[in-house]
Amino acid sequence: MAHSLSAKKRIRQNAKRRSKNRGLKRVVKEDIREFEAAVAGGDKAKAAEALKVAMKQLSKTAAKGTLHKNAASRRISRLQKKYNALAAKG
């Protein structure tokens, strides 16, 4: 257990930040799952909307520092690739 005031404050800050980061990551995962379900179902319109939402959420999460910007870009690229494959099928 922390003894100094600064160490106790750090524990509080870490708990608060962990909670926010986990919440943001959970939302990103939910949006990606929704997109992948639309792709699996073959619904282009729903997939396009879900892709837009997922990309926006990934960008916001990267901007806040929860996710590294390169990791967010990589995920966006992979999602876009899946959507393009769906669109090419017709």
Protein backbone atom coordinates (compact mmCIF):
# COMPACT_ATOMS: atom_id res chain seq x y z
CA MET A 1 0.00 0.00 0.00
CA ALA A 2 1.21 3.49 -0.84
CA HIS A 3 2.38 5.66 2.05
CA SER A 4 3.09 9.09 0.59
CA LEU A 5 0.35 11.46 -0.51
CA SER A 6 1.72 11.61 -4.04
CA ALA A 7 1.69 7.80 -4.32
CA LYS A 8 -1.91 7.69 -3.09
CA LYS A 9 -2.85 10.35 -5.64
CA ARG A 10 -1.18 8.35 -8.41
CA ILE A 11 -3.25 5.31 -7.43
CA ARG A 12 -6.43 7.39 -7.72
CA GLN A 13 -5.36 8.85 -11.06
CA ASN A 14 -4.40 5.45 -12.46
CA ALA A 15 -7.76 3.96 -11.46
CA LYS A 16 -9.65 6.83 -13.10
CA ARG A 17 -7.60 6.65 -16.31
CA ARG A 18 -7.86 2.86 -16.48
CA SER A 19 -11.62 3.11 -16.19
CA LYS A 20 -11.86 5.69 -18.99
CA ASN A 21 -9.48 3.77 -21.25
CA ARG A 22 -11.34 0.50 -20.75
CA GLY A 23 -14.62 2.21 -21.56
CA LEU A 24 -13.24 3.68 -24.77
CA LYS A 25 -11.75 0.35 -25.84
CA ARG A 26 -15.03 -1.42 -25.10
CA VAL A 27 -16.93 0.98 -27.37
CA VAL A 28 -14.37 0.46 -30.16
CA LYS A 29 -14.66 -3.32 -29.87
CA GLU A 30 -18.47 -3.14 -29.96
CA ASP A 31 -18.39 -0.98 -33.10
CA ILE A 32 -15.93 -3.32 -34.81
CA ARG A 33 -18.07 -6.35 -33.89
CA GLU A 34 -21.13 -4.63 -35.35
CA PHE A 35 -19.24 -3.93 -38.59
CA GLU A 36 -17.94 -7.48 -38.87
CA ALA A 37 -21.44 -8.86 -38.29
CA ALA A 38 -22.75 -6.68 -41.13
CA VAL A 39 -19.94 -7.88 -43.42
CA ALA A 40 -20.62 -11.51 -42.49
CA GLY A 41 -24.30 -10.96 -43.27
CA GLY A 42 -23.43 -9.42 -46.63
CA ASP A 43 -25.37 -6.21 -45.94
CA LYS A 44 -23.44 -3.48 -47.79
CA ALA A 45 -25.51 -0.53 -46.56
CA LYS A 46 -25.33 -1.58 -42.92
CA ALA A 47 -21.62 -2.38 -43.27
CA ALA A 48 -20.92 1.07 -44.75
CA GLU A 49 -22.66 2.80 -41.84
CA ALA A 50 -20.96 0.56 -39.26
CA LEU A 51 -17.58 1.18 -40.92
CA LYS A 52 -18.09 4.94 -40.68
CA VAL A 53 -18.95 4.68 -36.96
CA ALA A 54 -16.03 2.32 -36.22
CA MET A 55 -13.52 4.52 -38.07
CA LYS A 56 -14.68 7.62 -36.21
CA GLN A 57 -14.47 5.86 -32.85
CA LEU A 58 -11.00 4.48 -33.59
CA SER A 59 -9.78 7.96 -34.56
CA LYS A 60 -11.22 9.52 -31.41
CA THR A 61 -9.66 6.84 -29.23
CA ALA A 62 -6.27 7.39 -30.87
CA ALA A 63 -6.58 11.16 -30.45
CA LYS A 64 -7.17 10.71 -26.72
CA GLY A 65 -4.06 8.54 -26.44
CA THR A 66 -5.81 5.35 -25.39
CA LEU A 67 -4.80 3.65 -28.63
CA HIS A 68 -1.60 4.43 -30.53
CA LYS A 69 -2.27 6.32 -33.75
CA ASN A 70 -0.50 3.69 -35.85
CA ALA A 71 -2.56 0.92 -34.24
CA ALA A 72 -5.74 2.84 -35.00
CA SER A 73 -4.63 3.42 -38.59
CA ARG A 74 -3.83 -0.27 -39.00
CA ARG A 75 -7.25 -1.30 -37.68
CA ILE A 76 -9.02 1.24 -39.90
CA SER A 77 -7.07 -0.05 -42.90
CA ARG A 78 -8.06 -3.64 -42.17
CA LEU A 79 -11.72 -2.71 -41.73
CA GLN A 80 -11.68 -0.75 -45.00
CA LYS A 81 -10.09 -3.73 -46.75
CA LYS A 82 -12.90 -6.01 -45.54
CA TYR A 83 -15.51 -3.52 -46.71
CA ASN A 84 -13.86 -3.18 -50.13
CA ALA A 85 -13.88 -6.97 -50.53
CA LEU A 86 -17.60 -7.00 -49.70
CA ALA A 87 -18.32 -4.18 -52.16
CA ALA A 88 -16.34 -5.91 -54.93
CA LYS A 89 -18.44 -9.07 -54.59
CA GLY A 90 -21.46 -7.13 -55.75
